[in-house]
Amino acid sequence: MFACRDATELMTEEGEGALSGWVRLRYRFHMAICPHCKACRHQMDQALSIAKEIPAEPVPETVEDRAVAAFREARKGGRTV
């Protein structure tokens, strides 16, 4: 059975066109009949739309340099970041 939990977990993938076959069919059927998941998808679409309107701020060069140094140091120690 395809539940709301399944549908909400697949919303991002569906938006990216990453669903295929039976999963896509079951997702779309569920979305067609479930008002709760439709509302959730609508809210997610609105949030994404608003987020896209936020202007990007440049990252200070010192932050980028420190991040690169931290990644390099972590790789030396065998850790993953």
Protein backbone atom coordinates (compact mmCIF):
# COMPACT_ATOMS: atom_id res chain seq x y z
CA MET A 1 0.00 0.00 0.00
CA PHE A 2 1.21 3.49 -0.87
CA ALA A 3 0.83 5.75 2.16
CA CYS A 4 1.11 9.49 2.71
CA ARG A 5 4.54 8.94 4.23
CA ASP A 6 5.67 7.35 0.97
CA ALA A 7 4.30 10.25 -1.07
CA THR A 8 5.90 12.97 1.04
CA GLU A 9 9.27 11.21 0.88
CA LEU A 10 9.06 11.18 -2.92
CA MET A 11 7.91 14.77 -3.51
CA THR A 12 11.38 16.18 -4.14
CA GLU A 13 12.32 13.33 -6.45
CA GLU A 14 9.09 13.75 -8.38
CA GLY A 15 9.78 17.45 -8.81
CA GLU A 16 13.19 16.60 -10.26
CA GLY A 17 11.69 14.03 -12.64
CA ALA A 18 13.56 11.20 -10.92
CA LEU A 19 10.61 8.83 -10.44
CA SER A 20 10.08 6.08 -12.93
CA GLY A 21 7.74 3.22 -13.68
CA TRP A 22 5.36 1.94 -11.03
CA VAL A 23 6.66 4.32 -8.36
CA ARG A 24 5.71 7.34 -10.46
CA LEU A 25 2.32 5.84 -11.30
CA ARG A 26 1.54 5.03 -7.67
CA TYR A 27 2.77 8.45 -6.53
CA ARG A 28 0.61 10.29 -9.05
CA PHE A 29 -2.45 8.18 -8.20
CA HIS A 30 -1.99 8.89 -4.51
CA MET A 31 -1.55 12.61 -5.16
CA ALA A 32 -4.74 12.61 -7.25
CA ILE A 33 -6.86 11.21 -4.43
CA CYS A 34 -5.22 12.54 -1.24
CA PRO A 35 -6.11 16.13 -0.27
CA HIS A 36 -3.56 16.11 2.56
CA CYS A 37 -0.63 15.29 0.29
CA LYS A 38 -1.87 17.81 -2.28
CA ALA A 39 -1.82 20.48 0.43
CA CYS A 40 1.66 19.40 1.54
CA ARG A 41 2.94 19.56 -2.05
CA HIS A 42 1.38 23.01 -2.50
CA GLN A 43 3.11 24.26 0.66
CA MET A 44 6.42 22.81 -0.50
CA ASP A 45 6.06 24.47 -3.90
CA GLN A 46 5.30 27.80 -2.25
CA ALA A 47 8.33 27.51 0.05
CA LEU A 48 10.60 26.70 -2.90
CA SER A 49 9.22 29.62 -4.86
CA ILE A 50 9.85 32.02 -1.98
CA ALA A 51 13.34 30.61 -1.40
CA LYS A 52 14.24 31.25 -5.05
CA GLU A 53 13.39 34.93 -4.59
CA ILE A 54 15.98 35.38 -1.85
CA PRO A 55 19.02 37.05 -3.38
CA ALA A 56 22.26 35.13 -3.08
CA GLU A 57 24.88 36.72 -0.90
CA PRO A 58 28.53 36.38 -1.81
CA VAL A 59 30.55 34.16 0.49
CA PRO A 60 33.50 36.03 2.01
CA GLU A 61 36.79 34.71 0.68
CA THR A 62 38.05 33.96 4.19
CA VAL A 63 35.11 31.61 4.81
CA GLU A 64 35.78 29.71 1.59
CA ASP A 65 39.51 29.45 2.40
CA ARG A 66 38.80 28.14 5.91
CA ALA A 67 36.31 25.58 4.58
CA VAL A 68 38.75 24.27 1.98
CA ALA A 69 41.49 24.04 4.63
CA ALA A 70 39.16 22.14 6.98
CA PHE A 71 38.23 19.64 4.24
CA ARG A 72 41.87 19.09 3.36
CA GLU A 73 42.79 18.59 7.02
CA ALA A 74 39.93 16.13 7.49
CA ARG A 75 41.08 14.12 4.45
CA LYS A 76 44.60 13.92 5.86
CA GLY A 77 43.21 12.42 9.07
CA GLY A 78 41.08 9.92 7.15
CA ARG A 79 37.82 11.49 8.32
CA THR A 80 34.88 12.32 6.13
CA VAL A 81 33.22 15.68 6.40
